[in-house]
């Protein structure tokens, strides 16, 4: 799918994997992890190149996030793109 997905890295319990579908003309992404009212919020924002003329093609993207202790993935709200 096109929506971001967060899952635990099965080889490292203190690491989560965030994957999403980006575009070929994305200039970059910003990922922010914070807490709000006792809930973890992972915000994904995509920065697109301006100007247009970009083909509508998806590119799989992902990052590994290492934490000091296991992150309860079920309690993380994914927000943004």
N, C-alpha and C. Protein backbone atom coordinates (compact mmCIF):
# COMPACT_ATOMS: atom_id res chain seq x y z
N UNK A 1 0.80 -1.19 0.00
CA UNK A 1 0.00 0.00 0.00
C UNK A 1 0.83 1.25 0.00
N UNK A 2 0.13 2.35 -0.05
CA UNK A 2 0.79 3.65 -0.10
C UNK A 2 0.94 4.28 1.27
N UNK A 3 0.20 3.79 2.24
CA UNK A 3 0.26 4.36 3.59
C UNK A 3 1.50 3.86 4.32
N UNK A 4 2.05 4.68 5.21
CA UNK A 4 3.20 4.24 6.01
C UNK A 4 2.84 3.05 6.89
N UNK A 5 3.82 2.16 7.07
CA UNK A 5 3.66 0.98 7.92
C UNK A 5 4.83 0.95 8.90
N UNK A 6 4.53 0.69 10.17
CA UNK A 6 5.56 0.59 11.20
C UNK A 6 5.51 -0.81 11.77
N UNK A 7 6.69 -1.46 11.83
CA UNK A 7 6.75 -2.81 12.40
C UNK A 7 8.08 -2.98 13.14
N UNK A 8 8.10 -3.93 14.05
CA UNK A 8 9.31 -4.23 14.82
C UNK A 8 10.28 -5.02 13.94
N UNK A 9 11.55 -4.67 14.02
CA UNK A 9 12.60 -5.44 13.34
C UNK A 9 12.77 -6.74 14.11
N UNK A 10 12.49 -7.86 13.49
CA UNK A 10 12.53 -9.16 14.17
C UNK A 10 13.94 -9.54 14.64
N UNK A 11 14.97 -8.92 14.07
CA UNK A 11 16.34 -9.25 14.48
C UNK A 11 16.85 -8.37 15.62
N UNK A 12 16.19 -7.21 15.83
CA UNK A 12 16.61 -6.28 16.88
C UNK A 12 15.36 -5.70 17.55
N UNK A 13 15.00 -6.16 18.74
CA UNK A 13 13.76 -5.73 19.38
C UNK A 13 13.69 -4.24 19.71
N UNK A 14 14.83 -3.56 19.79
CA UNK A 14 14.84 -2.12 20.07
C UNK A 14 14.83 -1.29 18.79
N UNK A 15 14.51 -1.92 17.68
CA UNK A 15 14.50 -1.23 16.39
C UNK A 15 13.16 -1.45 15.69
N UNK A 16 12.62 -0.37 15.13
CA UNK A 16 11.41 -0.46 14.33
C UNK A 16 11.73 -0.06 12.89
N UNK A 17 10.93 -0.56 11.97
CA UNK A 17 11.09 -0.26 10.56
C UNK A 17 9.88 0.54 10.09
N UNK A 18 10.11 1.69 9.50
CA UNK A 18 9.04 2.50 8.93
C UNK A 18 9.20 2.43 7.41
N UNK A 19 8.17 1.97 6.72
CA UNK A 19 8.20 1.89 5.26
C UNK A 19 7.01 2.64 4.69
N UNK A 20 7.19 3.20 3.49
CA UNK A 20 6.11 3.93 2.82
C UNK A 20 6.43 4.01 1.34
N UNK A 21 5.44 4.45 0.56
CA UNK A 21 5.63 4.63 -0.87
C UNK A 21 5.82 6.12 -1.13
N UNK A 22 6.97 6.46 -1.69
CA UNK A 22 7.26 7.84 -2.04
C UNK A 22 7.14 8.05 -3.54
N UNK A 23 7.47 9.22 -3.98
CA UNK A 23 7.43 9.55 -5.40
C UNK A 23 8.83 9.75 -5.95
N UNK A 24 8.97 9.61 -7.27
CA UNK A 24 10.30 9.73 -7.88
C UNK A 24 10.86 11.15 -7.78
N UNK A 25 10.00 12.15 -7.59
CA UNK A 25 10.48 13.53 -7.51
C UNK A 25 10.50 14.09 -6.09
N UNK A 26 10.38 13.22 -5.09
CA UNK A 26 10.46 13.71 -3.71
C UNK A 26 11.85 14.29 -3.47
N UNK A 27 11.88 15.44 -2.82
CA UNK A 27 13.15 16.05 -2.48
C UNK A 27 13.70 15.49 -1.17
N UNK A 28 12.80 15.02 -0.32
CA UNK A 28 13.22 14.45 0.95
C UNK A 28 12.01 14.22 1.84
N UNK A 29 12.25 13.58 2.96
CA UNK A 29 11.22 13.33 3.96
C UNK A 29 11.77 13.70 5.32
N UNK A 30 10.85 14.09 6.20
CA UNK A 30 11.18 14.34 7.59
C UNK A 30 10.33 13.40 8.44
N UNK A 31 10.98 12.69 9.36
CA UNK A 31 10.27 11.81 10.28
C UNK A 31 10.54 12.32 11.69
N UNK A 32 9.46 12.55 12.44
CA UNK A 32 9.57 13.03 13.81
C UNK A 32 8.84 12.07 14.73
N UNK A 33 9.49 11.65 15.82
CA UNK A 33 8.87 10.79 16.82
C UNK A 33 8.73 11.60 18.10
N UNK A 34 7.50 11.70 18.59
CA UNK A 34 7.25 12.47 19.81
C UNK A 34 6.16 11.78 20.62
N UNK A 35 5.88 12.31 21.80
CA UNK A 35 4.77 11.80 22.60
C UNK A 35 3.74 12.91 22.75
N UNK A 36 2.49 12.50 22.80
CA UNK A 36 1.39 13.44 22.99
C UNK A 36 0.32 12.75 23.82
N UNK A 37 0.07 13.27 25.00
CA UNK A 37 -0.92 12.68 25.92
C UNK A 37 -0.66 11.20 26.17
N UNK A 38 0.60 10.83 26.34
CA UNK A 38 0.96 9.44 26.64
C UNK A 38 0.99 8.51 25.44
N UNK A 39 0.81 9.05 24.24
CA UNK A 39 0.82 8.25 23.02
C UNK A 39 2.01 8.66 22.17
N UNK A 40 2.68 7.68 21.58
CA UNK A 40 3.76 7.99 20.64
C UNK A 40 3.13 8.43 19.31
N UNK A 41 3.69 9.47 18.72
CA UNK A 41 3.25 9.95 17.41
C UNK A 41 4.46 9.99 16.49
N UNK A 42 4.37 9.28 15.36
CA UNK A 42 5.43 9.33 14.36
C UNK A 42 4.87 10.08 13.16
N UNK A 43 5.43 11.24 12.89
CA UNK A 43 4.97 12.13 11.83
C UNK A 43 5.89 11.99 10.63
N UNK A 44 5.32 11.71 9.46
CA UNK A 44 6.08 11.59 8.22
C UNK A 44 5.63 12.71 7.29
N UNK A 45 6.55 13.57 6.91
CA UNK A 45 6.24 14.66 5.98
C UNK A 45 7.15 14.56 4.76
N UNK A 46 6.55 14.62 3.58
CA UNK A 46 7.30 14.54 2.32
C UNK A 46 7.47 15.93 1.76
N UNK A 47 8.67 16.21 1.30
CA UNK A 47 8.98 17.49 0.68
C UNK A 47 9.15 17.24 -0.81
N UNK A 48 8.25 17.80 -1.60
CA UNK A 48 8.26 17.57 -3.04
C UNK A 48 8.96 18.71 -3.76
N UNK A 49 9.57 18.37 -4.89
CA UNK A 49 10.16 19.40 -5.73
C UNK A 49 9.05 20.24 -6.33
N UNK A 50 9.29 21.53 -6.45
CA UNK A 50 8.29 22.40 -7.05
C UNK A 50 8.49 22.44 -8.56
N UNK A 51 7.45 22.80 -9.26
CA UNK A 51 7.59 22.98 -10.70
C UNK A 51 6.74 22.05 -11.54
N UNK A 52 6.53 20.84 -11.10
CA UNK A 52 5.72 19.92 -11.89
C UNK A 52 6.54 19.17 -12.92
N UNK A 53 5.83 18.48 -13.82
CA UNK A 53 6.50 17.70 -14.85
C UNK A 53 7.07 16.39 -14.33
N UNK A 54 6.60 15.95 -13.18
CA UNK A 54 7.13 14.74 -12.58
C UNK A 54 6.22 13.56 -12.91
N UNK A 55 6.78 12.43 -13.30
CA UNK A 55 5.93 11.26 -13.56
C UNK A 55 5.33 10.73 -12.26
N UNK A 56 4.14 10.21 -12.36
CA UNK A 56 3.44 9.63 -11.21
C UNK A 56 3.91 8.18 -11.04
N UNK A 57 5.06 8.02 -10.41
CA UNK A 57 5.62 6.69 -10.19
C UNK A 57 6.01 6.56 -8.73
N UNK A 58 5.67 5.42 -8.13
CA UNK A 58 5.99 5.18 -6.73
C UNK A 58 7.36 4.58 -6.54
N UNK A 59 7.99 4.95 -5.42
CA UNK A 59 9.30 4.43 -5.05
C UNK A 59 9.22 3.96 -3.59
N UNK A 60 9.51 2.68 -3.33
CA UNK A 60 9.49 2.22 -1.94
C UNK A 60 10.57 2.93 -1.12
N UNK A 61 10.20 3.38 0.06
CA UNK A 61 11.13 4.06 0.95
C UNK A 61 11.04 3.42 2.33
N UNK A 62 12.08 3.61 3.14
CA UNK A 62 12.05 3.08 4.49
C UNK A 62 13.24 3.54 5.31
N UNK A 63 13.05 3.50 6.62
CA UNK A 63 14.14 3.80 7.55
C UNK A 63 14.03 2.84 8.73
N UNK A 64 15.16 2.65 9.41
CA UNK A 64 15.22 1.89 10.65
C UNK A 64 15.39 2.91 11.78
N UNK A 65 14.61 2.75 12.84
CA UNK A 65 14.68 3.65 13.98
C UNK A 65 15.07 2.82 15.20
N UNK A 66 16.26 3.10 15.75
CA UNK A 66 16.72 2.39 16.95
C UNK A 66 16.37 3.22 18.18
N UNK A 67 15.82 2.55 19.19
CA UNK A 67 15.43 3.22 20.43
C UNK A 67 16.16 2.57 21.59
N UNK A 68 16.13 3.22 22.74
CA UNK A 68 16.86 2.70 23.90
C UNK A 68 16.15 1.50 24.53
N UNK A 69 14.86 1.35 24.24
CA UNK A 69 14.09 0.20 24.71
C UNK A 69 13.04 -0.11 23.64
N UNK A 70 12.45 -1.30 23.68
CA UNK A 70 11.46 -1.63 22.64
C UNK A 70 10.32 -0.61 22.58
N UNK A 71 9.98 -0.20 21.39
CA UNK A 71 8.88 0.74 21.16
C UNK A 71 7.60 -0.05 20.95
N UNK A 72 6.56 0.20 21.73
CA UNK A 72 5.31 -0.54 21.56
C UNK A 72 4.60 -0.10 20.28
N UNK A 73 4.88 -0.78 19.18
CA UNK A 73 4.41 -0.38 17.85
C UNK A 73 2.89 -0.18 17.82
N UNK A 74 2.16 -1.00 18.54
CA UNK A 74 0.70 -0.88 18.56
C UNK A 74 0.20 0.42 19.17
N UNK A 75 1.06 1.10 19.91
CA UNK A 75 0.65 2.36 20.55
C UNK A 75 1.17 3.59 19.79
N UNK A 76 1.76 3.39 18.62
CA UNK A 76 2.29 4.49 17.83
C UNK A 76 1.24 4.92 16.81
N UNK A 77 0.94 6.22 16.80
CA UNK A 77 0.03 6.78 15.80
C UNK A 77 0.89 7.30 14.66
N UNK A 78 0.62 6.85 13.43
CA UNK A 78 1.33 7.35 12.26
C UNK A 78 0.53 8.51 11.68
N UNK A 79 1.22 9.63 11.45
CA UNK A 79 0.54 10.82 10.94
C UNK A 79 1.34 11.38 9.77
N UNK A 80 0.70 12.22 9.01
CA UNK A 80 1.38 12.87 7.89
C UNK A 80 0.98 12.30 6.58
N UNK A 81 1.94 12.20 5.67
CA UNK A 81 1.67 11.79 4.28
C UNK A 81 1.05 10.42 4.19
